[in-house]
Amino acid sequence: MQIKELKPNNFTQWDSFVDERPQGKIYHKTVWKEIFEKAFGRKTLYYFVENTNGQIEGILPLVHFHTFIAGKQLISLPYVNYGGPLWSNDSAKQLIFSKMQQLLMETNSDVLEIRYDKNDAFDLPVKTNKVTFSLDLPEHPDELLKSFKAKVRSQIKRPTKEGMYAKVGHLDLLDDFYYVFCRNMRDLGTPVYSKKIFKTILTLLPEQTHVVVIYSKTNLPVASAFLLGYKKQMEIPWASSLRKYNRFSPNMLLYWQVMQLAIEKGYRVFDFGRGTKDGGTYRFKKQWGGREVQLYWYYLLGANGELPEVAKENPKFQLAIKIWQKLPLWFTNIAGPPIVKKIS
């Protein structure tokens, strides 16, 4: 058994291994190597464990960072919620762990971060401040609607009483999705991804991606979501709404429309995407009745032995957030993409 660097001729075998593993996520697929490289402009380091019969028994996807914000990092995987290495046996796991230690030294990185949703992956320092919610989906939307509390059902109906309506699409709704997304990111004080990133994902994953947009009665996009489906699970990694319209609860109609779409497409589980425990989005997601899922971010530390602290909750970023919130949209749309590429 040996560990090898991933080459194009191994892509099909790698993807088959991901499909077969219960922990395999869409972000493990080789198409995301291309997304990280082309859309985000990052260097990738992908390795796999091969047995004597030429079969893959483990994979290690990593993305390399060297920025003034985060220092030198290897992350598996950045920008998304999951993506840590996968293995089918302990021998493969040990080879992967040894390779991670080797790469940490060879790249002179400060830390190697592994994003997982399981609590027994590695005996390493771990952060547990991020969670998601997972909701099992019935066979028909009516069953799901009946399962919600009366308050939730009322909030779902409220936007339609204000003349709001939903559209489901793909690349045709990208501009409207981004109209909401970039404004919401500015209001949150967070640099925005470029539209190119979302276009690349939609183009490379046409069957697994969807866009949902909520419009006001005057046809203005007021809430939007970007969806990824894989195996039997649909995830909502990016969703936004315009603060001006929050009193009409367009985000409630948005999530309801998204869950209906998931059921119609045959998905059995809905993943609400990550959030900080007890934060505002945490409370919003909890009301839908899903089960809370703890996320575990493990760290293999370099010479300095310090855990990274680059989250926006870090007090040293609060002033920058307040300044960013007051900047004009045209400026944040230009300045944001180069910055956010350096933040994982």
Protein backbone atom coordinates (compact mmCIF):
# COMPACT_ATOMS: atom_id res chain seq x y z
CA MET A 1 0.00 0.00 0.00
CA GLN A 2 1.34 3.41 -0.98
CA ILE A 3 0.21 7.03 -1.24
CA LYS A 4 0.30 8.79 -4.60
CA GLU A 5 -0.41 12.23 -6.00
CA LEU A 6 -3.70 12.46 -7.90
CA LYS A 7 -3.40 12.66 -11.69
CA PRO A 8 -6.18 13.11 -14.31
CA ASN A 9 -6.11 9.41 -15.18
CA ASN A 10 -7.10 8.63 -11.56
CA PHE A 11 -10.10 11.02 -11.46
CA THR A 12 -12.75 8.41 -12.28
CA GLN A 13 -11.44 5.96 -9.70
CA TRP A 14 -11.23 8.72 -7.07
CA ASP A 15 -14.82 9.81 -7.72
CA SER A 16 -16.07 6.22 -7.51
CA PHE A 17 -14.40 5.86 -4.12
CA VAL A 18 -16.16 9.03 -2.91
CA ASP A 19 -19.51 7.77 -4.21
CA GLU A 20 -19.10 4.52 -2.30
CA ARG A 21 -18.05 5.99 1.06
CA PRO A 22 -20.87 6.95 3.48
CA GLN A 23 -18.87 10.05 4.52
CA GLY A 24 -18.24 11.06 0.93
CA LYS A 25 -19.48 14.57 0.12
CA ILE A 26 -19.86 16.40 -3.16
CA TYR A 27 -16.88 18.55 -2.16
CA HIS A 28 -14.66 15.45 -2.24
CA LYS A 29 -15.31 14.98 -5.96
CA THR A 30 -12.52 15.87 -8.36
CA VAL A 31 -14.65 18.58 -9.97
CA TRP A 32 -14.06 20.63 -6.82
CA LYS A 33 -10.31 20.44 -7.40
CA GLU A 34 -10.99 22.34 -10.63
CA ILE A 35 -13.31 24.78 -8.82
CA PHE A 36 -10.70 25.53 -6.16
CA GLU A 37 -8.04 26.08 -8.81
CA LYS A 38 -9.98 27.96 -11.49
CA ALA A 39 -12.65 29.85 -9.55
CA PHE A 40 -10.84 30.52 -6.28
CA GLY A 41 -7.30 30.58 -7.68
CA ARG A 42 -5.92 28.23 -5.02
CA LYS A 43 -3.19 25.61 -5.22
CA THR A 44 -4.44 22.09 -4.51
CA LEU A 45 -2.62 19.07 -3.10
CA TYR A 46 -4.58 15.84 -3.71
CA TYR A 47 -3.28 12.40 -2.75
CA PHE A 48 -4.74 8.90 -2.61
CA VAL A 49 -3.84 5.58 -0.99
CA GLU A 50 -3.48 2.70 -3.45
CA ASN A 51 -3.34 -0.97 -2.51
CA THR A 52 -1.33 -3.67 -4.28
CA ASN A 53 -4.29 -4.36 -6.61
CA GLY A 54 -4.38 -0.75 -7.82
CA GLN A 55 -7.53 0.10 -5.87
CA ILE A 56 -8.03 3.32 -3.91
CA GLU A 57 -8.44 2.84 -0.16
CA GLY A 58 -8.17 6.45 0.99
CA ILE A 59 -8.09 10.03 -0.28
CA LEU A 60 -6.54 13.27 0.99
CA PRO A 61 -7.77 16.51 -0.64
CA LEU A 62 -6.00 19.70 0.51
CA VAL A 63 -5.97 23.34 -0.55
CA HIS A 64 -2.94 25.51 0.17
CA PHE A 65 -3.16 29.04 1.57
CA HIS A 66 -0.42 31.60 2.13
CA THR A 67 -1.99 34.94 3.04
CA PHE A 68 -1.36 37.90 5.30
CA ILE A 69 -4.71 37.21 7.02
CA ALA A 70 -4.38 33.51 7.83
CA GLY A 71 -0.68 32.82 7.39
CA LYS A 72 0.32 29.50 5.82
CA GLN A 73 -2.44 26.90 5.95
CA LEU A 74 -3.44 23.58 4.41
CA ILE A 75 -7.21 23.05 4.57
CA SER A 76 -9.39 20.04 3.82
CA LEU A 77 -11.49 21.72 2.55
CA PRO A 78 -11.82 25.55 2.55
CA TYR A 79 -14.89 27.72 1.77
CA VAL A 80 -17.21 24.74 2.39
CA ASN A 81 -18.45 22.79 5.42
CA TYR A 82 -16.93 19.36 4.81
CA GLY A 83 -14.14 17.66 2.96
CA GLY A 84 -11.71 15.93 5.29
CA PRO A 85 -9.79 12.84 4.15
CA LEU A 86 -11.62 9.53 3.67
CA TRP A 87 -10.32 5.99 4.21
CA SER A 88 -11.62 2.44 4.14
CA ASN A 89 -9.25 0.92 6.73
CA ASP A 90 -6.83 1.86 9.50
CA SER A 91 -3.74 1.29 7.37
CA ALA A 92 -4.96 3.84 4.83
CA LYS A 93 -5.79 6.27 7.63
CA GLN A 94 -2.27 5.99 9.03
CA LEU A 95 -0.70 6.64 5.62
CA ILE A 96 -2.94 9.69 5.20
CA PHE A 97 -2.04 11.03 8.64
CA SER A 98 1.68 10.57 7.93
CA LYS A 99 1.28 12.38 4.61
CA MET A 100 -0.47 15.28 6.34
CA GLN A 101 2.45 15.59 8.78
CA GLN A 102 4.90 15.49 5.88
CA LEU A 103 3.04 18.13 3.85
CA LEU A 104 2.72 20.39 6.90
CA MET A 105 6.53 20.43 7.17
CA GLU A 106 7.28 20.55 3.42
CA THR A 107 5.01 23.57 2.86
CA ASN A 108 6.22 25.21 6.10
CA SER A 109 2.56 25.73 7.02
CA ASP A 110 1.37 26.99 10.40
CA VAL A 111 -1.56 24.60 10.56
CA LEU A 112 -3.44 21.89 8.68
CA GLU A 113 -7.23 22.13 9.15
CA ILE A 114 -9.62 19.20 8.61
CA ARG A 115 -13.37 19.87 8.36
CA TYR A 116 -15.51 16.94 9.44
CA ASP A 117 -18.92 16.04 10.82
CA LYS A 118 -17.72 13.17 13.01
CA ASN A 119 -16.18 13.29 16.48
CA ASP A 120 -13.73 10.40 16.36
CA ALA A 121 -11.72 11.11 13.25
CA PHE A 122 -8.39 12.14 14.81
CA ASP A 123 -6.79 12.60 18.21
CA LEU A 124 -6.02 16.26 17.52
CA PRO A 125 -7.02 19.71 18.84
CA VAL A 126 -10.56 20.40 17.65
CA LYS A 127 -12.99 23.33 17.44
CA THR A 128 -16.69 22.70 17.97
CA ASN A 129 -18.24 26.15 17.63
CA LYS A 130 -19.84 25.35 14.25
CA VAL A 131 -23.01 23.31 13.79
CA THR A 132 -25.58 22.57 11.13
CA PHE A 133 -29.13 21.21 11.17
CA SER A 134 -30.29 18.16 9.25
CA LEU A 135 -33.97 17.61 8.44
CA ASP A 136 -35.38 14.31 7.18
CA LEU A 137 -37.74 14.94 4.28
CA PRO A 138 -41.04 13.11 3.72
CA GLU A 139 -42.29 11.99 0.32
CA HIS A 140 -44.69 14.92 -0.11
CA PRO A 141 -44.38 18.64 0.75
CA ASP A 142 -47.80 18.63 2.45
CA GLU A 143 -46.48 16.18 5.05
CA LEU A 144 -43.56 18.47 5.77
CA LEU A 145 -45.77 21.56 6.07
CA LYS A 146 -48.03 19.79 8.58
CA SER A 147 -44.99 18.91 10.71
CA PHE A 148 -44.08 22.57 11.28
CA LYS A 149 -45.35 24.57 14.24
CA ALA A 150 -48.22 26.95 13.58
CA LYS A 151 -45.93 30.00 13.88
CA VAL A 152 -43.62 28.67 11.18
CA ARG A 153 -46.52 27.91 8.83
CA SER A 154 -47.85 31.43 9.38
CA GLN A 155 -44.47 32.98 8.58
CA ILE A 156 -44.23 30.92 5.39
CA LYS A 157 -47.57 32.32 4.21
CA ARG A 158 -46.89 35.93 5.13
CA PRO A 159 -44.62 36.82 2.15
CA THR A 160 -47.22 35.60 -0.35
CA LYS A 161 -49.80 37.87 1.27
CA GLU A 162 -47.42 40.74 0.46
CA GLY A 163 -47.32 39.68 -3.18
CA MET A 164 -43.97 37.90 -3.00
CA TYR A 165 -43.31 34.86 -5.18
CA ALA A 166 -40.58 32.33 -5.92
CA LYS A 167 -38.65 31.23 -8.99
CA VAL A 168 -36.51 28.12 -9.35
CA GLY A 169 -33.76 28.07 -11.93
CA HIS A 170 -30.07 27.79 -12.68
CA LEU A 171 -27.72 30.08 -14.60
CA ASP A 172 -30.77 32.08 -15.68
CA LEU A 173 -31.23 33.27 -12.09
CA LEU A 174 -27.56 33.85 -11.28
CA ASP A 175 -27.74 37.64 -11.66
CA ASP A 176 -30.77 37.86 -9.36
CA PHE A 177 -29.16 35.54 -6.81
CA TYR A 178 -26.02 37.66 -6.81
CA TYR A 179 -28.01 40.91 -6.56
CA VAL A 180 -29.22 39.79 -3.14
CA PHE A 181 -26.06 37.96 -2.11
CA CYS A 182 -23.59 40.82 -2.60
CA ARG A 183 -25.82 43.31 -0.76
CA ASN A 184 -26.34 40.97 2.15
CA MET A 185 -22.61 40.26 2.46
CA ARG A 186 -21.84 43.99 2.52
CA ASP A 187 -24.48 44.52 5.23
CA LEU A 188 -22.91 41.71 7.27
CA GLY A 189 -19.49 43.32 6.90
CA THR A 190 -18.16 40.34 4.96
CA PRO A 191 -16.21 40.47 1.66
CA VAL A 192 -18.23 38.91 -1.15
CA TYR A 193 -17.35 36.06 -3.51
CA SER A 194 -17.14 36.99 -7.17
CA LYS A 195 -20.03 36.05 -9.42
CA LYS A 196 -17.53 33.99 -11.43
CA ILE A 197 -17.27 31.49 -8.57
CA PHE A 198 -20.98 30.72 -8.59
CA LYS A 199 -21.05 30.62 -12.39
CA THR A 200 -18.20 28.11 -12.40
CA ILE A 201 -19.94 25.84 -9.90
CA LEU A 202 -23.23 26.00 -11.82
CA THR A 203 -21.46 25.27 -15.10
CA LEU A 204 -19.37 22.36 -13.83
CA LEU A 205 -22.20 20.80 -11.77
CA PRO A 206 -25.32 21.43 -13.87
CA GLU A 207 -27.33 18.50 -12.50
CA GLN A 208 -26.45 18.97 -8.83
CA THR A 209 -27.02 22.73 -8.51
CA HIS A 210 -30.09 24.95 -8.33
CA VAL A 211 -30.86 28.60 -7.63
CA VAL A 212 -34.03 29.81 -5.88
CA VAL A 213 -35.01 33.49 -5.75
CA ILE A 214 -37.85 35.25 -3.93
CA TYR A 215 -39.22 38.42 -5.55
CA SER A 216 -41.25 41.31 -4.20
CA LYS A 217 -44.57 42.26 -5.78
CA THR A 218 -42.59 44.81 -7.82
CA ASN A 219 -40.36 41.98 -9.17
CA LEU A 220 -37.28 42.92 -7.13
CA PRO A 221 -35.10 40.01 -5.90
CA VAL A 222 -35.30 40.11 -2.09
CA ALA A 223 -34.03 36.66 -1.02
CA SER A 224 -31.99 33.97 -2.76
CA ALA A 225 -30.39 30.58 -2.25
CA PHE A 226 -27.71 28.50 -3.97
CA LEU A 227 -28.25 24.74 -3.63
CA LEU A 228 -26.08 21.65 -3.97
CA GLY A 229 -27.43 18.12 -4.13
CA TYR A 230 -25.49 14.88 -3.80
CA LYS A 231 -26.53 11.32 -3.03
CA LYS A 232 -29.78 11.73 -1.06
CA GLN A 233 -28.98 15.07 0.54
CA MET A 234 -29.56 18.67 -0.56
CA GLU A 235 -27.51 21.42 1.08
CA ILE A 236 -27.97 25.19 1.14
CA PRO A 237 -24.41 26.52 1.48
CA TRP A 238 -25.30 30.11 0.51
CA ALA A 239 -28.52 32.01 1.23
CA SER A 240 -29.28 35.71 1.68
CA SER A 241 -32.10 38.19 2.08
CA LEU A 242 -32.35 41.97 1.92
CA ARG A 243 -32.69 43.51 5.37
CA LYS A 244 -35.15 46.10 4.12
CA TYR A 245 -37.71 43.34 3.54
CA ASN A 246 -37.05 41.21 6.64
CA ARG A 247 -40.34 42.28 8.24
CA PHE A 248 -42.14 40.36 5.48
CA SER A 249 -40.13 37.16 6.15
CA PRO A 250 -39.04 36.41 2.58
CA ASN A 251 -36.39 34.03 3.96
CA MET A 252 -39.19 31.84 5.35
CA LEU A 253 -40.75 31.50 1.90
CA LEU A 254 -37.25 30.94 0.47
CA TYR A 255 -36.46 27.99 2.74
CA TRP A 256 -39.91 26.50 2.27
CA GLN A 257 -39.51 26.68 -1.51
CA VAL A 258 -36.06 25.12 -1.24
CA MET A 259 -37.37 22.20 0.83
CA GLN A 260 -40.22 21.63 -1.60
CA LEU A 261 -37.70 21.52 -4.44
CA ALA A 262 -35.56 19.03 -2.53
CA ILE A 263 -38.55 16.71 -2.09
CA GLU A 264 -39.56 17.05 -5.75
CA LYS A 265 -36.00 16.15 -6.82
CA GLY A 266 -36.04 13.02 -4.67
CA TYR A 267 -33.71 14.10 -1.87
CA ARG A 268 -34.39 12.59 1.55
CA VAL A 269 -32.37 14.93 3.78
CA PHE A 270 -32.00 18.71 3.86
CA ASP A 271 -28.78 20.23 5.24
CA PHE A 272 -29.22 23.82 6.44
CA GLY A 273 -25.54 24.71 6.14
CA ARG A 274 -23.17 25.68 8.91
CA GLY A 275 -23.60 28.40 11.48
CA THR A 276 -22.20 29.49 14.82
CA LYS A 277 -23.92 27.86 17.79
CA ASP A 278 -26.53 30.17 19.38
CA GLY A 279 -26.04 32.84 16.69
CA GLY A 280 -28.85 34.49 14.72
CA THR A 281 -28.84 31.99 11.87
CA TYR A 282 -28.67 29.16 14.44
CA ARG A 283 -32.01 30.21 15.91
CA PHE A 284 -33.54 30.63 12.46
CA LYS A 285 -32.52 27.13 11.38
CA LYS A 286 -33.50 25.47 14.64
CA GLN A 287 -37.16 26.51 14.28
CA TRP A 288 -37.64 24.17 11.30
CA GLY A 289 -37.39 21.11 13.53
CA GLY A 290 -34.24 19.47 12.22
CA ARG A 291 -31.69 17.70 14.37
CA GLU A 292 -28.59 19.61 15.37
CA VAL A 293 -25.37 18.18 13.90
CA GLN A 294 -22.08 19.11 15.51
CA LEU A 295 -19.22 19.97 13.13
CA TYR A 296 -15.65 19.15 14.10
CA TRP A 297 -12.69 21.08 12.75
CA TYR A 298 -9.44 19.31 13.61
CA TYR A 299 -5.99 20.90 13.60
CA LEU A 300 -2.56 19.50 12.95
CA LEU A 301 -0.31 22.26 14.27
CA GLY A 302 2.97 23.51 12.89
CA ALA A 303 5.97 24.90 14.74
CA ASN A 304 4.13 27.79 16.40
CA GLY A 305 1.53 25.45 17.90
CA GLU A 306 -1.31 27.98 17.72
CA LEU A 307 -4.88 27.44 16.54
CA PRO A 308 -5.97 29.90 13.83
CA GLU A 309 -8.42 32.65 14.80
CA VAL A 310 -9.63 34.20 11.55
CA ALA A 311 -13.40 33.95 12.07
CA LYS A 312 -15.37 37.20 11.97
CA GLU A 313 -16.33 36.60 15.63
CA ASN A 314 -12.72 37.38 16.54
CA PRO A 315 -12.80 40.81 18.29
CA LYS A 316 -9.83 42.12 16.27
CA PHE A 317 -11.99 41.98 13.11
CA GLN A 318 -14.96 43.90 14.55
CA LEU A 319 -13.69 47.35 13.52
CA ALA A 320 -13.00 46.16 9.97
CA ILE A 321 -16.53 44.71 9.80
CA LYS A 322 -18.11 47.99 10.91
CA ILE A 323 -16.13 49.94 8.31
CA TRP A 324 -17.00 47.46 5.56
CA GLN A 325 -20.72 47.76 6.32
CA LYS A 326 -20.58 51.49 5.55
CA LEU A 327 -18.75 51.20 2.22
CA PRO A 328 -20.62 51.71 -1.07
CA LEU A 329 -21.75 48.54 -2.85
CA TRP A 330 -19.77 49.26 -6.03
CA PHE A 331 -16.56 49.33 -3.97
CA THR A 332 -17.26 46.17 -1.94
CA ASN A 333 -18.15 44.28 -5.12
CA ILE A 334 -14.74 45.18 -6.57
CA ALA A 335 -12.62 44.89 -3.44
CA GLY A 336 -14.41 41.90 -1.88
CA PRO A 337 -13.51 39.01 -4.24
CA PRO A 338 -9.70 39.42 -3.98
CA ILE A 339 -9.99 39.55 -0.17
CA VAL A 340 -12.39 36.65 0.30
CA LYS A 341 -10.12 34.33 -1.67
CA LYS A 342 -7.67 34.74 1.19
CA ILE A 343 -10.26 33.82 3.84
CA SER A 344 -11.32 30.18 4.08
